[in-house]
């Protein structure tokens, strides 16, 4: 009996998703109505200083923890859409109230690669980015709290 149960137990164990990975890696549309009053939890992100209407914008939400901030594959949700010069608004629903951080990237030529001489970026709380932190400031400088409401933040784009 035990040798027949073992494959079933292994299969069941593989279906269990760690709580930290629930709701992770979802590419979503930029549905601003999800950030209207009474909805939430969500983050309304105002991105300022987009230098030109070319290429693509990528906005990603992360849990504001050292284990997940800017770690490959650890983002919760992502919005990708064509860039528009000036200011753009993005709505990122979050799974529950808690500590989060947002990263923004402007791929100016739309090639899907980071071109340091032309592409731009920004993060929640607008931390300073320099050669010493290699563009990856601590989660402590980018994290913010979201309750059950819609939290509004502004991010200033930075280009070389």
Protein backbone atom coordinates (compact mmCIF):
# COMPACT_ATOMS: atom_id res chain seq x y z
CA UNK A 1 0.00 0.00 0.00
CA UNK A 2 2.78 2.43 0.91
CA UNK A 3 4.59 2.01 -2.42
CA UNK A 4 1.38 3.00 -4.25
CA UNK A 5 0.79 6.02 -2.02
CA UNK A 6 4.31 7.46 -2.47
CA UNK A 7 3.79 8.77 -6.07
CA UNK A 8 0.48 10.32 -5.03
CA UNK A 9 2.07 12.07 -2.05
CA UNK A 10 4.93 13.36 -4.21
CA UNK A 11 2.46 14.70 -6.79
CA UNK A 12 0.43 16.39 -4.08
CA UNK A 13 3.57 17.96 -2.60
CA UNK A 14 4.50 19.44 -5.98
CA UNK A 15 1.10 21.16 -6.17
CA UNK A 16 1.69 23.07 -2.94
CA UNK A 17 2.87 26.59 -3.75
CA UNK A 18 4.77 28.49 -1.07
CA UNK A 19 2.77 31.45 0.25
CA UNK A 20 5.51 33.86 -0.86
CA UNK A 21 5.08 32.75 -4.49
CA UNK A 22 1.29 32.93 -4.58
CA UNK A 23 0.09 35.56 -7.07
CA UNK A 24 3.62 35.92 -8.49
CA UNK A 25 4.73 36.61 -12.06
CA UNK A 26 1.45 37.86 -13.47
CA UNK A 27 1.58 40.11 -16.53
CA UNK A 28 -1.53 42.26 -16.30
CA UNK A 29 -3.21 45.00 -18.31
CA UNK A 30 -3.09 48.58 -17.10
CA UNK A 31 -6.67 48.67 -15.81
CA UNK A 32 -6.88 52.05 -14.05
CA UNK A 33 -10.42 51.28 -12.83
CA UNK A 34 -8.89 48.83 -10.34
CA UNK A 35 -7.38 51.87 -8.62
CA UNK A 36 -10.63 53.82 -8.36
CA UNK A 37 -11.89 54.81 -4.88
CA UNK A 38 -13.17 51.88 -2.87
CA UNK A 39 -10.97 49.33 -4.64
CA UNK A 40 -7.83 47.86 -3.20
CA UNK A 41 -5.46 46.88 -2.10
CA UNK A 42 -3.63 48.38 -5.06
CA UNK A 43 -0.92 50.87 -5.96
CA UNK A 44 -1.55 53.78 -8.34
CA UNK A 45 1.84 54.69 -9.78
CA UNK A 46 2.41 58.07 -11.43
CA UNK A 47 5.61 57.91 -13.50
CA UNK A 48 7.06 61.34 -14.31
CA UNK A 49 9.85 62.41 -16.63
CA UNK A 50 9.50 59.84 -19.42
CA UNK A 51 11.88 61.32 -21.97
CA UNK A 52 10.28 60.18 -25.23
CA UNK A 53 7.35 58.38 -26.82
CA UNK A 54 9.33 55.42 -28.10
CA UNK A 55 9.95 51.91 -26.86
CA UNK A 56 8.19 50.29 -23.92
CA UNK A 57 7.53 50.94 -20.26
CA UNK A 58 7.68 48.09 -17.74
CA UNK A 59 6.33 48.55 -14.23
CA UNK A 60 6.76 45.70 -11.73
CA UNK A 61 5.58 45.23 -8.16
CA UNK A 62 7.59 43.31 -5.57
CA UNK A 63 7.14 42.48 -1.94
CA UNK A 64 9.28 44.96 -0.02
CA UNK A 65 11.62 42.36 1.48
CA UNK A 66 15.32 41.65 1.10
CA UNK A 67 14.47 38.16 -0.17
CA UNK A 68 12.33 39.38 -3.09
CA UNK A 69 13.20 43.00 -4.01
CA UNK A 70 14.62 43.01 -7.58
CA UNK A 71 15.31 39.28 -7.50
CA UNK A 72 14.86 37.56 -10.86
CA UNK A 73 11.42 35.98 -11.08
CA UNK A 74 10.27 37.38 -7.72
CA UNK A 75 8.04 40.14 -9.10
CA UNK A 76 4.35 39.92 -8.32
CA UNK A 77 2.79 41.69 -11.28
CA UNK A 78 4.04 43.45 -14.38
CA UNK A 79 2.54 45.95 -16.80
CA UNK A 80 4.20 46.46 -20.18
CA UNK A 81 2.98 49.05 -22.64
CA UNK A 82 4.23 51.58 -25.19
CA UNK A 83 5.97 54.61 -23.67
CA UNK A 84 4.41 58.07 -23.82
CA UNK A 85 6.58 61.16 -23.26
CA UNK A 86 5.92 63.00 -20.01
CA UNK A 87 3.75 61.31 -17.39
CA UNK A 88 2.02 57.93 -17.37
CA UNK A 89 -0.27 56.31 -14.79
CA UNK A 90 -0.23 52.61 -13.89
CA UNK A 91 -2.47 50.57 -11.56
CA UNK A 92 -0.94 47.54 -9.86
CA UNK A 93 -3.29 45.54 -7.61
CA UNK A 94 -1.46 43.74 -4.78
CA UNK A 95 -2.50 40.45 -3.14
CA UNK A 96 -3.12 41.86 0.34
CA UNK A 97 -2.11 44.70 2.63
CA UNK A 98 1.61 44.69 3.35
CA UNK A 99 4.99 46.09 2.36
CA UNK A 100 5.71 46.51 -1.35
CA UNK A 101 8.13 48.21 -3.75
CA UNK A 102 7.85 49.23 -7.41
CA UNK A 103 10.47 49.20 -10.19
CA UNK A 104 10.02 51.01 -13.53
CA UNK A 105 12.04 50.61 -16.71
CA UNK A 106 11.87 52.50 -20.01
CA UNK A 107 13.31 50.38 -22.82
CA UNK A 108 13.70 53.35 -25.18
CA UNK A 109 14.44 51.39 -28.37
CA UNK A 110 12.16 48.46 -27.48
CA UNK A 111 14.85 45.83 -27.98
CA UNK A 112 14.12 44.05 -24.67
CA UNK A 113 17.67 44.65 -23.43
CA UNK A 114 19.05 47.15 -20.93
CA UNK A 115 20.96 49.83 -22.80
CA UNK A 116 22.65 51.90 -20.10
CA UNK A 117 23.32 54.85 -22.40
CA UNK A 118 19.66 55.35 -23.39
CA UNK A 119 17.22 53.42 -21.17
CA UNK A 120 15.73 54.90 -18.03
CA UNK A 121 14.56 53.59 -14.72
CA UNK A 122 12.98 54.54 -11.44
CA UNK A 123 11.84 53.04 -8.16
CA UNK A 124 9.35 53.74 -5.44
CA UNK A 125 10.49 56.46 -3.00
CA UNK A 126 12.93 57.74 -5.70
CA UNK A 127 16.14 56.47 -4.05
CA UNK A 128 19.47 57.72 -5.34
CA UNK A 129 21.01 55.34 -7.84
CA UNK A 130 24.76 55.35 -8.33
CA UNK A 131 27.71 53.21 -9.31
CA UNK A 132 28.23 52.08 -5.72
CA UNK A 133 24.82 50.38 -5.42
CA UNK A 134 24.85 49.32 -9.10
CA UNK A 135 21.37 50.73 -9.58
CA UNK A 136 19.93 48.40 -6.95
CA UNK A 137 19.23 50.33 -3.78
CA UNK A 138 18.22 48.45 -0.67
CA UNK A 139 14.63 47.34 -0.28
CA UNK A 140 14.57 49.56 2.82
CA UNK A 141 14.85 52.63 0.58
CA UNK A 142 12.11 51.58 -1.82
CA UNK A 143 9.54 49.80 0.39
CA UNK A 144 6.22 51.35 1.38
CA UNK A 145 3.08 50.17 3.16
CA UNK A 146 -0.20 49.41 1.46
CA UNK A 147 -3.35 48.92 3.52
CA UNK A 148 -6.66 47.78 2.08
CA UNK A 149 -6.98 51.01 0.10
CA UNK A 150 -5.43 52.29 -3.12
CA UNK A 151 -2.02 53.76 -2.32
CA UNK A 152 -0.83 56.53 -4.67
CA UNK A 153 2.90 57.00 -5.31
CA UNK A 154 5.02 59.00 -7.76
CA UNK A 155 8.24 57.84 -9.40
CA UNK A 156 10.66 60.15 -11.22
CA UNK A 157 12.41 58.49 -14.17
CA UNK A 158 16.20 58.70 -14.30
CA UNK A 159 18.29 58.51 -17.48
CA UNK A 160 22.07 58.65 -18.01
